Amino acid sequence: MRLDKYLKVSRLIKRRTVANEACDNGRISVNGRVVKASYDVKVGDKIEIALGNRTLAVEVLVVAETVRKDDAAAMYKEV
């Protein structure tokens, strides 16, 4: 699954266009490397999101195309 879609489905970022812009601006890194929105997310990847003055680090636990809102938080674990 593409990184921008994963960020939207897991509700780490509210909209896919915002996730895409964050990737283009170099605010998102996976496993220590700045990546593009087309990066293929895999289980075990560590994603760091720099939004504003805070950084959120998560580890991917599940990659699913669609998830209910209540189950979205189970897709990742905060590090």
C-alpha atoms as a PDB file:
ATOM      1  CA  MET A   1       0.000   0.000   0.000  1.00  0.00           C
ATOM      2  CA  ARG A   2       1.235   3.507  -0.790  1.00  0.00           C
ATOM      3  CA  LEU A   3       2.482   5.551   2.149  1.00  0.00           C
ATOM      4  CA  ASP A   4       0.032   8.424   1.642  1.00  0.00           C
ATOM      5  CA  LYS A   5      -2.912   6.001   1.551  1.00  0.00           C
ATOM      6  CA  TYR A   6      -1.671   4.177   4.666  1.00  0.00           C
ATOM      7  CA  LEU A   7      -1.438   7.455   6.583  1.00  0.00           C
ATOM      8  CA  LYS A   8      -5.031   8.274   5.626  1.00  0.00           C
ATOM      9  CA  VAL A   9      -6.495   4.797   6.277  1.00  0.00           C
ATOM     10  CA  SER A  10      -4.771   4.555   9.666  1.00  0.00           C
ATOM     11  CA  ARG A  11      -5.966   8.105  10.401  1.00  0.00           C
ATOM     12  CA  LEU A  12      -2.486   9.331  11.315  1.00  0.00           C
ATOM     13  CA  ILE A  13      -3.176  12.160   8.840  1.00  0.00           C
ATOM     14  CA  LYS A  14      -6.752  13.204   8.115  1.00  0.00           C
ATOM     15  CA  ARG A  15      -6.624  13.591   4.317  1.00  0.00           C
ATOM     16  CA  ARG A  16      -4.617  11.830   1.619  1.00  0.00           C
ATOM     17  CA  THR A  17      -3.729  15.120  -0.086  1.00  0.00           C
ATOM     18  CA  VAL A  18      -2.252  16.423   3.173  1.00  0.00           C
ATOM     19  CA  ALA A  19      -0.276  13.184   3.552  1.00  0.00           C
ATOM     20  CA  ASN A  20       0.964  13.545  -0.026  1.00  0.00           C
ATOM     21  CA  GLU A  21       2.093  17.142   0.599  1.00  0.00           C
ATOM     22  CA  ALA A  22       3.868  16.116   3.823  1.00  0.00           C
ATOM     23  CA  CYS A  23       5.795  13.467   1.861  1.00  0.00           C
ATOM     24  CA  ASP A  24       6.690  15.967  -0.870  1.00  0.00           C
ATOM     25  CA  ASN A  25       8.005  18.424   1.741  1.00  0.00           C
ATOM     26  CA  GLY A  26      10.256  15.777   3.356  1.00  0.00           C
ATOM     27  CA  ARG A  27       8.340  15.669   6.651  1.00  0.00           C
ATOM     28  CA  ILE A  28       7.852  11.886   6.636  1.00  0.00           C
ATOM     29  CA  SER A  29      10.612   9.322   6.943  1.00  0.00           C
ATOM     30  CA  VAL A  30      10.453   5.531   7.009  1.00  0.00           C
ATOM     31  CA  ASN A  31      13.214   3.531   8.693  1.00  0.00           C
ATOM     32  CA  GLY A  32      15.358   6.661   8.902  1.00  0.00           C
ATOM     33  CA  ARG A  33      15.054   7.657   5.225  1.00  0.00           C
ATOM     34  CA  VAL A  34      12.939  10.465   3.783  1.00  0.00           C
ATOM     35  CA  VAL A  35      10.578   8.812   1.301  1.00  0.00           C
ATOM     36  CA  LYS A  36       8.035   9.777  -1.351  1.00  0.00           C
ATOM     37  CA  ALA A  37       4.286   9.212  -1.122  1.00  0.00           C
ATOM     38  CA  SER A  38       4.592   6.205  -3.450  1.00  0.00           C
ATOM     39  CA  TYR A  39       6.716   4.235  -0.937  1.00  0.00           C
ATOM     40  CA  ASP A  40       5.302   0.718  -0.377  1.00  0.00           C
ATOM     41  CA  VAL A  41       4.498   0.341   3.340  1.00  0.00           C
ATOM     42  CA  LYS A  42       5.259  -3.039   4.912  1.00  0.00           C
ATOM     43  CA  VAL A  43       4.610  -4.514   8.361  1.00  0.00           C
ATOM     44  CA  GLY A  44       7.475  -3.608  10.692  1.00  0.00           C
ATOM     45  CA  ASP A  45       8.293  -0.255   9.056  1.00  0.00           C
ATOM     46  CA  LYS A  46       8.993   2.620  11.438  1.00  0.00           C
ATOM     47  CA  ILE A  47       7.361   5.859  10.270  1.00  0.00           C
ATOM     48  CA  GLU A  48       8.310   9.275  11.656  1.00  0.00           C
ATOM     49  CA  ILE A  49       5.973  12.188  10.973  1.00  0.00           C
ATOM     50  CA  ALA A  50       7.142  15.756  11.649  1.00  0.00           C
ATOM     51  CA  LEU A  51       4.087  18.003  11.812  1.00  0.00           C
ATOM     52  CA  GLY A  52       4.449  21.415  13.371  1.00  0.00           C
ATOM     53  CA  ASN A  53       6.866  21.350  16.289  1.00  0.00           C
ATOM     54  CA  ARG A  54       6.281  17.712  17.266  1.00  0.00           C
ATOM     55  CA  THR A  55       7.381  14.399  15.832  1.00  0.00           C
ATOM     56  CA  LEU A  56       5.255  11.258  15.931  1.00  0.00           C
ATOM     57  CA  ALA A  57       7.006   7.895  15.583  1.00  0.00           C
ATOM     58  CA  VAL A  58       4.973   4.740  14.918  1.00  0.00           C
ATOM     59  CA  GLU A  59       5.628   1.135  13.937  1.00  0.00           C
ATOM     60  CA  VAL A  60       3.373  -0.483  11.314  1.00  0.00           C
ATOM     61  CA  LEU A  61       1.514  -3.530  12.689  1.00  0.00           C
ATOM     62  CA  VAL A  62      -1.139  -4.112  10.003  1.00  0.00           C
ATOM     63  CA  VAL A  63      -1.556  -3.028   6.385  1.00  0.00           C
ATOM     64  CA  ALA A  64      -5.225  -3.114   5.300  1.00  0.00           C
ATOM     65  CA  GLU A  65      -7.064  -1.410   2.433  1.00  0.00           C
ATOM     66  CA  THR A  66     -10.097  -0.431   4.506  1.00  0.00           C
ATOM     67  CA  VAL A  67     -10.521  -0.187   8.262  1.00  0.00           C
ATOM     68  CA  ARG A  68     -13.346   1.009  10.476  1.00  0.00           C
ATOM     69  CA  LYS A  69     -12.686   4.195  12.409  1.00  0.00           C
ATOM     70  CA  ASP A  70     -12.670   2.335  15.736  1.00  0.00           C
ATOM     71  CA  ASP A  71     -10.062  -0.165  14.511  1.00  0.00           C
ATOM     72  CA  ALA A  72      -7.691   2.339  12.848  1.00  0.00           C
ATOM     73  CA  ALA A  73      -5.507   2.741  15.954  1.00  0.00           C
ATOM     74  CA  ALA A  74      -4.744  -1.005  15.891  1.00  0.00           C
ATOM     75  CA  MET A  75      -2.857  -0.577  12.591  1.00  0.00           C
ATOM     76  CA  TYR A  76       0.166   0.968  14.319  1.00  0.00           C
ATOM     77  CA  LYS A  77       1.998   1.196  17.633  1.00  0.00           C
ATOM     78  CA  GLU A  78       3.529   4.426  18.942  1.00  0.00           C
ATOM     79  CA  VAL A  79       7.259   4.160  19.589  1.00  0.00           C
END
